[in-house]
């Protein structure tokens, strides 16, 4: 039995020895839900699956570097870097999940393993999105309670947020494995098999709730920055200018993050609500692939643009740990 995440072609079958082009097979498809098929593959490997695997490889490599840098750099233990480490870990697992999904589809096909892989991907991407929310919350409190932000209490709150983030993500990832799947009821399948339509709608609704909450916090951050700018203008304290510039830069970075986040995930989330399993699978692939790009862009926005992480990478590549180990910036990190 050769099971693979492919497009079912119920309307045309190639003749013996005839290789049906993938795009032609897609055009002939009338049941477009991504699902496991017991029929032989019309094309050895789905090009969309290759692109997802390549995306996962880039994601895993990028975020592995961030995780290693934060883990092996003792000074990167502030609440912000703890949250960035959580985000990088979630994206690293998501990238590995995309790679494993490709391997298990074409090398070790199994429904049981596929359920575990799908649950792993759901948990990883949920943790990634939730970590983005946690970073936004942390950034809001760093501005709202600037005087008490650098305290042990803040670190405790961060740990509680991470516990909730990964706990909920693990729970959602286990749902398909524990039985909330459509393997026994094909009619209940969503645009991505073996997830049921109700499961996918739950995930999409959760995404919209997180996105709205992030937008709300972002507007509150903008109000705080505007109030700070007004106070600075009244007091004309020169020493406060650098702090304001750093805060303004953090807010602009948040705008980039939210824009990237929305552009990456909104198409797939909307399609999860309106799509049916009979729709051509190219729609699912075309909306899912950009969603994975968010995990590819996250380390660039959050980590590689950060001066502390840049310095750590430079010292690692140059072997300057002993020579420059005492030189560390103690200023708050930007988002």
Protein backbone atom coordinates (compact mmCIF):
# COMPACT_ATOMS: atom_id res chain seq x y z
CA UNK A 1 0.00 0.00 0.00
CA UNK A 2 1.48 3.33 -1.08
CA UNK A 3 -0.02 6.14 0.98
CA UNK A 4 0.89 9.72 0.28
CA UNK A 5 -0.43 13.21 0.70
CA UNK A 6 -1.51 13.66 -2.89
CA UNK A 7 -4.39 14.88 -5.00
CA UNK A 8 -7.01 12.28 -5.80
CA UNK A 9 -7.68 11.99 -9.50
CA UNK A 10 -11.06 10.33 -9.90
CA UNK A 11 -11.75 11.45 -13.42
CA UNK A 12 -8.75 10.31 -15.42
CA UNK A 13 -6.17 7.57 -15.20
CA UNK A 14 -2.96 7.51 -17.27
CA UNK A 15 -2.31 4.57 -19.47
CA UNK A 16 0.39 2.04 -18.84
CA UNK A 17 3.79 3.64 -18.95
CA UNK A 18 2.27 7.06 -19.52
CA UNK A 19 3.45 9.84 -17.18
CA UNK A 20 0.66 12.34 -16.54
CA UNK A 21 2.05 15.87 -16.01
CA UNK A 22 1.30 17.19 -12.54
CA UNK A 23 -0.41 20.37 -13.64
CA UNK A 24 -2.66 18.38 -15.99
CA UNK A 25 -3.53 16.05 -13.15
CA UNK A 26 -4.43 19.06 -11.05
CA UNK A 27 -6.68 20.41 -13.77
CA UNK A 28 -8.53 17.09 -13.99
CA UNK A 29 -8.96 16.82 -10.24
CA UNK A 30 -12.47 17.12 -8.81
CA UNK A 31 -11.71 16.11 -5.23
CA UNK A 32 -9.05 18.49 -4.09
CA UNK A 33 -8.70 17.75 -0.38
CA UNK A 34 -5.13 16.96 0.59
CA UNK A 35 -5.43 13.38 1.68
CA UNK A 36 -3.81 9.98 1.83
CA UNK A 37 -4.48 7.89 -1.24
CA UNK A 38 -4.00 4.18 -1.72
CA UNK A 39 -3.70 4.65 -5.49
CA UNK A 40 -0.27 4.75 -7.13
CA UNK A 41 1.23 8.19 -7.58
CA UNK A 42 0.63 9.77 -11.00
CA UNK A 43 3.76 11.83 -10.47
CA UNK A 44 6.67 10.56 -8.36
CA UNK A 45 6.70 13.62 -6.09
CA UNK A 46 4.23 16.48 -5.79
CA UNK A 47 6.11 19.74 -6.62
CA UNK A 48 4.17 21.53 -3.88
CA UNK A 49 5.45 19.02 -1.34
CA UNK A 50 8.98 19.65 -2.57
CA UNK A 51 8.54 23.40 -1.99
CA UNK A 52 7.15 22.77 1.50
CA UNK A 53 10.13 20.55 2.29
CA UNK A 54 12.56 23.18 1.00
CA UNK A 55 10.79 25.81 3.08
CA UNK A 56 11.08 23.58 6.13
CA UNK A 57 14.80 23.08 5.53
CA UNK A 58 15.47 26.84 5.39
CA UNK A 59 13.28 27.41 8.47
CA UNK A 60 15.08 24.72 10.47
CA UNK A 61 18.55 26.02 9.58
CA UNK A 62 17.74 29.66 10.35
CA UNK A 63 16.12 28.99 13.69
CA UNK A 64 18.64 26.37 14.81
CA UNK A 65 21.31 29.09 14.74
CA UNK A 66 19.13 31.41 16.85
CA UNK A 67 18.36 28.69 19.39
CA UNK A 68 22.05 27.77 19.68
CA UNK A 69 23.15 31.39 20.08
CA UNK A 70 20.60 32.13 22.82
CA UNK A 71 21.27 28.84 24.60
CA UNK A 72 25.05 29.22 24.68
CA UNK A 73 25.16 32.96 25.47
CA UNK A 74 24.65 33.49 29.24
CA UNK A 75 23.89 37.20 28.87
CA UNK A 76 20.88 36.53 26.64
CA UNK A 77 18.59 35.58 29.51
CA UNK A 78 16.33 38.63 29.69
CA UNK A 79 12.56 38.11 29.28
CA UNK A 80 12.65 39.28 25.67
CA UNK A 81 15.37 36.83 24.67
CA UNK A 82 13.59 34.00 26.51
CA UNK A 83 10.52 34.70 24.36
CA UNK A 84 12.60 34.99 21.20
CA UNK A 85 14.13 31.62 22.09
CA UNK A 86 10.63 30.16 22.45
CA UNK A 87 9.65 31.54 19.04
CA UNK A 88 12.81 30.19 17.42
CA UNK A 89 12.29 26.78 19.04
CA UNK A 90 8.71 26.59 17.78
CA UNK A 91 9.76 27.59 14.26
CA UNK A 92 12.64 25.12 14.37
CA UNK A 93 10.21 22.32 15.26
CA UNK A 94 7.84 23.49 12.51
CA UNK A 95 10.65 23.32 9.95
CA UNK A 96 11.63 19.85 11.12
CA UNK A 97 7.97 18.83 10.94
CA UNK A 98 7.72 19.89 7.30
CA UNK A 99 10.81 17.85 6.49
CA UNK A 100 9.55 14.80 8.38
CA UNK A 101 6.14 15.12 6.74
CA UNK A 102 7.79 14.92 3.32
CA UNK A 103 9.90 11.91 4.33
CA UNK A 104 6.98 10.01 5.82
CA UNK A 105 4.81 10.70 2.78
CA UNK A 106 7.20 9.34 0.18
CA UNK A 107 9.61 7.09 2.09
CA UNK A 108 7.73 5.61 5.06
CA UNK A 109 4.00 5.96 4.27
CA UNK A 110 1.80 5.19 7.26
CA UNK A 111 -1.49 6.61 8.51
CA UNK A 112 -0.37 6.38 12.14
CA UNK A 113 2.88 8.21 11.48
CA UNK A 114 1.03 10.78 9.39
CA UNK A 115 -1.34 11.52 12.28
CA UNK A 116 1.64 12.09 14.56
CA UNK A 117 3.30 14.32 11.95
CA UNK A 118 0.17 16.42 11.44
CA UNK A 119 -0.23 16.80 15.21
CA UNK A 120 3.44 17.79 15.47
CA UNK A 121 2.97 20.48 12.81
CA UNK A 122 -0.22 21.80 14.42
CA UNK A 123 1.53 22.05 17.81
CA UNK A 124 4.64 23.71 16.34
CA UNK A 125 2.85 26.35 14.30
CA UNK A 126 0.44 27.05 17.17
CA UNK A 127 3.42 27.57 19.49
CA UNK A 128 5.01 29.89 16.92
CA UNK A 129 1.90 32.05 16.61
CA UNK A 130 1.35 32.06 20.38
CA UNK A 131 4.99 33.06 20.96
CA UNK A 132 4.45 36.05 18.67
CA UNK A 133 1.51 37.04 20.87
CA UNK A 134 3.63 36.57 24.01
CA UNK A 135 6.34 38.82 22.57
CA UNK A 136 3.75 41.48 21.78
CA UNK A 137 2.37 41.27 25.34
CA UNK A 138 5.89 41.49 26.74
CA UNK A 139 6.67 44.53 24.61
CA UNK A 140 3.50 46.23 25.79
CA UNK A 141 4.32 45.70 29.48
CA UNK A 142 7.93 46.81 28.93
CA UNK A 143 6.54 50.20 27.87
CA UNK A 144 3.54 50.35 30.18
CA UNK A 145 5.51 49.34 33.29
CA UNK A 146 8.96 50.49 32.31
CA UNK A 147 10.13 51.10 35.89
CA UNK A 148 9.31 47.60 37.13
CA UNK A 149 9.92 45.68 33.92
CA UNK A 150 13.41 44.44 34.80
CA UNK A 151 12.44 42.44 37.86
CA UNK A 152 12.12 38.84 38.92
CA UNK A 153 8.34 39.19 38.76
CA UNK A 154 8.50 39.94 35.04
CA UNK A 155 10.55 36.81 34.43
CA UNK A 156 7.97 34.79 36.35
CA UNK A 157 5.20 36.20 34.16
CA UNK A 158 7.20 35.28 31.06
CA UNK A 159 7.63 31.72 32.28
CA UNK A 160 3.88 31.50 32.94
CA UNK A 161 3.14 32.78 29.42
CA UNK A 162 5.49 30.19 27.95
CA UNK A 163 3.92 27.44 30.03
CA UNK A 164 0.47 28.41 28.76
CA UNK A 165 1.71 28.80 25.19
CA UNK A 166 3.31 25.38 24.95
CA UNK A 167 0.60 23.69 27.02
CA UNK A 168 -2.18 24.86 24.70
CA UNK A 169 -0.09 24.09 21.61
CA UNK A 170 0.61 20.56 22.80
CA UNK A 171 -3.08 20.04 23.56
CA UNK A 172 -4.16 21.17 20.08
CA UNK A 173 -1.47 19.04 18.48
CA UNK A 174 -2.63 15.93 20.35
CA UNK A 175 -6.27 16.26 19.28
CA UNK A 176 -5.83 14.59 15.84
CA UNK A 177 -3.71 11.83 17.38
CA UNK A 178 -6.22 11.15 20.15
CA UNK A 179 -9.10 10.67 17.73
CA UNK A 180 -10.28 14.01 16.41
CA UNK A 181 -9.56 13.08 12.79
CA UNK A 182 -11.52 12.07 9.72
CA UNK A 183 -9.85 8.76 8.89
CA UNK A 184 -13.03 6.84 9.76
CA UNK A 185 -15.42 9.51 8.39
CA UNK A 186 -14.12 10.88 5.06
CA UNK A 187 -17.17 13.13 4.72
CA UNK A 188 -16.02 15.16 7.75
CA UNK A 189 -12.57 15.88 6.28
CA UNK A 190 -11.36 19.43 5.82
CA UNK A 191 -9.13 20.89 3.13
CA UNK A 192 -6.25 19.12 4.87
CA UNK A 193 -6.77 15.47 5.68
CA UNK A 194 -6.77 13.93 8.30
CA UNK A 195 -7.94 17.08 10.12
CA UNK A 196 -11.71 17.40 10.43
CA UNK A 197 -13.47 20.56 9.30
CA UNK A 198 -14.41 21.42 12.89
CA UNK A 199 -10.77 21.03 13.96
CA UNK A 200 -9.55 23.32 11.20
CA UNK A 201 -12.24 25.88 12.01
CA UNK A 202 -11.14 25.86 15.66
CA UNK A 203 -7.55 26.53 14.63
CA UNK A 204 -8.57 29.30 12.22
CA UNK A 205 -10.82 30.96 14.79
CA UNK A 206 -8.01 30.84 17.36
CA UNK A 207 -5.71 32.51 14.85
CA UNK A 208 -8.15 35.36 14.25
CA UNK A 209 -8.53 35.87 18.02
CA UNK A 210 -4.74 36.07 18.44
CA UNK A 211 -4.40 38.40 15.46
CA UNK A 212 -7.07 40.79 16.79
CA UNK A 213 -5.44 40.77 20.23
CA UNK A 214 -2.05 41.55 18.70
CA UNK A 215 -3.55 44.44 16.72
CA UNK A 216 -5.17 45.79 19.89
CA UNK A 217 -1.89 45.66 21.79
CA UNK A 218 -0.09 47.26 18.88
CA UNK A 219 -2.44 50.26 18.88
CA UNK A 220 -1.99 50.59 22.65
CA UNK A 221 1.77 50.57 22.20
CA UNK A 222 1.44 53.32 19.61
CA UNK A 223 -0.57 55.40 22.09
CA UNK A 224 2.09 54.94 24.75
CA UNK A 225 4.83 55.97 22.33
CA UNK A 226 2.89 59.07 21.30
CA UNK A 227 2.40 60.00 24.95
CA UNK A 228 6.12 59.52 25.61
CA UNK A 229 6.94 61.68 22.61
CA UNK A 230 4.66 64.43 23.92
CA UNK A 231 6.29 64.32 27.35
CA UNK A 232 9.75 64.44 25.81
CA UNK A 233 8.76 67.43 23.69
CA UNK A 234 7.52 69.25 26.79
CA UNK A 235 10.48 68.46 28.99
CA UNK A 236 13.12 68.76 26.27
CA UNK A 237 15.38 66.28 28.01
CA UNK A 238 18.19 65.48 25.64
CA UNK A 239 19.09 62.24 27.41
CA UNK A 240 15.62 60.85 26.70
CA UNK A 241 16.01 61.14 22.94
CA UNK A 242 17.91 57.89 22.55
CA UNK A 243 15.28 56.03 24.55
CA UNK A 244 12.52 57.46 22.37
CA UNK A 245 14.37 56.55 19.18
CA UNK A 246 14.80 52.97 20.41
CA UNK A 247 11.12 52.78 21.37
CA UNK A 248 10.03 54.18 18.02
CA UNK A 249 12.23 51.65 16.27
CA UNK A 250 10.63 48.87 18.30
CA UNK A 251 7.15 50.03 17.31
CA UNK A 252 8.08 50.19 13.63
CA UNK A 253 9.45 46.68 13.95
CA UNK A 254 6.15 45.58 15.47
CA UNK A 255 4.35 47.05 12.46
CA UNK A 256 6.59 45.02 10.15
CA UNK A 257 5.96 41.91 12.25
CA UNK A 258 2.18 42.31 12.21
CA UNK A 259 2.16 43.03 8.49
CA UNK A 260 4.29 39.99 7.76
CA UNK A 261 2.27 37.86 10.14
CA UNK A 262 -1.05 38.88 8.59
CA UNK A 263 0.12 38.54 5.00
CA UNK A 264 1.50 35.07 5.72
CA UNK A 265 -1.31 33.49 7.72
CA UNK A 266 -4.52 35.34 6.79
CA UNK A 267 -4.99 33.67 3.36
CA UNK A 268 -4.70 30.18 4.81
CA UNK A 269 -6.86 31.00 7.85
CA UNK A 270 -9.61 32.45 5.66
CA UNK A 271 -9.46 29.49 3.29
CA UNK A 272 -9.76 27.12 6.26
CA UNK A 273 -13.12 28.72 7.02
CA UNK A 274 -14.52 28.88 3.50
CA UNK A 275 -12.78 25.99 1.75
CA UNK A 276 -14.33 22.57 1.19
CA UNK A 277 -12.55 19.26 0.76
CA UNK A 278 -13.86 19.02 -2.83
CA UNK A 279 -11.99 22.18 -3.86
CA UNK A 280 -8.79 21.77 -5.91
CA UNK A 281 -5.86 21.10 -3.61
CA UNK A 282 -3.76 23.74 -5.36
CA UNK A 283 -5.72 26.34 -3.36
CA UNK A 284 -4.68 24.70 -0.11
CA UNK A 285 -1.05 24.46 -1.15
CA UNK A 286 -1.02 28.04 -2.46
CA UNK A 287 -2.25 29.40 0.88
CA UNK A 288 -0.32 27.03 3.15
CA UNK A 289 3.09 27.65 1.58
CA UNK A 290 3.10 31.43 2.31
CA UNK A 291 2.07 30.64 5.90
CA UNK A 292 5.29 28.70 6.36
CA UNK A 293 7.24 31.74 5.19
CA UNK A 294 6.32 33.49 8.44
CA UNK A 295 8.53 31.04 10.32
CA UNK A 296 11.26 31.80 7.79
CA UNK A 297 10.99 35.56 8.30
CA UNK A 298 10.64 35.52 12.11
CA UNK A 299 14.34 34.93 12.90
CA UNK A 300 15.31 37.73 10.52
CA UNK A 301 12.96 40.24 12.16
CA UNK A 302 13.39 39.21 15.78
CA UNK A 303 16.88 37.77 16.04
CA UNK A 304 19.27 38.66 13.26
CA UNK A 305 18.36 42.37 13.42
CA UNK A 306 19.09 42.46 17.16
CA UNK A 307 22.46 43.99 18.06
CA UNK A 308 23.11 41.54 20.92
CA UNK A 309 22.53 38.49 18.75
CA UNK A 310 24.54 40.02 15.91
CA UNK A 311 27.45 40.51 18.30
CA UNK A 312 27.14 36.96 19.59
CA UNK A 313 27.16 35.57 16.06
CA UNK A 314 30.15 37.72 15.16
CA UNK A 315 32.07 36.57 18.22
CA UNK A 316 31.19 32.97 17.49
CA UNK A 317 32.35 33.16 13.88
CA UNK A 318 35.52 35.05 14.76
CA UNK A 319 36.38 33.01 17.82
CA UNK A 320 36.55 36.14 19.95
CA UNK A 321 34.78 34.89 23.05
CA UNK A 322 37.80 35.35 25.30
CA UNK A 323 38.98 38.62 23.80
CA UNK A 324 35.65 40.44 23.71
CA UNK A 325 33.66 38.50 26.31
CA UNK A 326 33.57 41.48 28.69
CA UNK A 327 32.02 43.80 26.11
CA UNK A 328 28.27 43.51 26.40
CA UNK A 329 25.55 46.05 25.86
CA UNK A 330 23.23 46.30 28.86
CA UNK A 331 20.56 48.36 27.14
CA UNK A 332 17.10 46.84 26.72
CA UNK A 333 16.75 44.82 23.55
CA UNK A 334 14.44 45.87 20.79
CA UNK A 335 11.61 43.72 19.56
